[in-house]
Amino acid sequence: MDTASKRATVYFDPDVHQALRLKAAATDRSMSDLVNTAVRLALGEDAEDLAAFEERGGEGTVSFEAAVRALKSSGKI
């Protein structure tokens, strides 16, 4: 695995940029470290979602219409 950092240009909303700068200063971390951590967390959540989709891949699907009919017939709507 290549551990060298890669450079990227990212544009933030000015308020988000200000908050990021303040958090970096308050936590004695770099803005890059905070962004890398946030992206890793988001990608980790994506990986969990993909695993859940794969795990449930064999389950059948129910159409919206069938779900509404089932709710109506059961008296829930």
Protein backbone atom coordinates (compact mmCIF):
# COMPACT_ATOMS: atom_id res chain seq x y z
CA MET A 1 0.00 0.00 0.00
CA ASP A 2 1.32 3.44 -0.95
CA THR A 3 1.41 5.54 2.22
CA ALA A 4 2.47 8.76 0.51
CA SER A 5 -0.12 11.49 0.86
CA LYS A 6 -1.85 12.67 -2.30
CA ARG A 7 -2.73 16.29 -2.90
CA ALA A 8 -6.28 17.33 -3.84
CA THR A 9 -8.11 20.60 -4.14
CA VAL A 10 -11.37 20.67 -2.19
CA TYR A 11 -13.75 23.61 -2.07
CA PHE A 12 -15.73 24.17 1.13
CA ASP A 13 -18.65 26.38 1.89
CA PRO A 14 -17.13 29.37 3.73
CA ASP A 15 -18.97 28.55 6.97
CA VAL A 16 -17.88 24.90 6.83
CA HIS A 17 -14.30 26.01 6.16
CA GLN A 18 -14.39 28.34 9.17
CA ALA A 19 -15.77 25.58 11.40
CA LEU A 20 -13.12 23.17 10.13
CA ARG A 21 -10.33 25.66 10.81
CA LEU A 22 -11.67 26.29 14.33
CA LYS A 23 -12.01 22.58 15.08
CA ALA A 24 -8.48 21.93 13.81
CA ALA A 25 -7.13 24.64 16.09
CA ALA A 26 -9.20 23.51 19.08
CA THR A 27 -8.19 19.85 18.72
CA ASP A 28 -4.57 20.48 17.72
CA ARG A 29 -5.11 18.50 14.52
CA SER A 30 -4.61 19.54 10.93
CA MET A 31 -7.51 20.27 8.63
CA SER A 32 -6.24 17.44 6.41
CA ASP A 33 -6.33 15.01 9.32
CA LEU A 34 -9.91 16.00 10.16
CA VAL A 35 -11.03 15.67 6.52
CA ASN A 36 -9.24 12.31 6.11
CA THR A 37 -10.92 11.01 9.27
CA ALA A 38 -14.36 12.17 8.11
CA VAL A 39 -13.91 10.61 4.67
CA ARG A 40 -12.70 7.32 6.18
CA LEU A 41 -15.77 7.23 8.45
CA ALA A 42 -18.10 7.91 5.50
CA LEU A 43 -16.42 5.21 3.41
CA GLY A 44 -16.65 2.80 6.35
CA GLU A 45 -20.40 3.43 6.55
CA ASP A 46 -20.65 2.79 2.81
CA ALA A 47 -18.78 -0.50 3.27
CA GLU A 48 -21.23 -1.53 6.01
CA ASP A 49 -24.18 -0.64 3.77
CA LEU A 50 -22.75 -2.66 0.88
CA ALA A 51 -22.21 -5.65 3.18
CA ALA A 52 -25.81 -5.39 4.40
CA PHE A 53 -27.11 -5.24 0.82
CA GLU A 54 -25.04 -8.28 -0.08
CA GLU A 55 -26.23 -10.16 3.01
CA ARG A 56 -29.86 -9.43 2.15
CA GLY A 57 -29.42 -10.02 -1.58
CA GLY A 58 -31.46 -13.20 -1.58
CA GLU A 59 -34.51 -11.60 -0.02
CA GLY A 60 -37.52 -10.98 -2.19
CA THR A 61 -38.76 -7.53 -3.02
CA VAL A 62 -42.15 -5.97 -2.40
CA SER A 63 -43.52 -3.32 -4.70
CA PHE A 64 -44.76 -0.05 -3.26
CA GLU A 65 -48.27 -0.88 -4.46
CA ALA A 66 -48.23 -4.25 -2.71
CA ALA A 67 -46.97 -2.67 0.51
CA VAL A 68 -49.78 -0.07 0.44
CA ARG A 69 -52.39 -2.76 -0.27
CA ALA A 70 -51.06 -4.83 2.67
CA LEU A 71 -51.25 -1.81 5.01
CA LYS A 72 -54.79 -1.05 3.85
CA SER A 73 -55.99 -4.65 4.19
CA SER A 74 -54.54 -4.86 7.71
CA GLY A 75 -56.31 -1.65 8.74
CA LYS A 76 -53.08 0.23 9.40
CA ILE A 77 -54.02 2.93 6.89
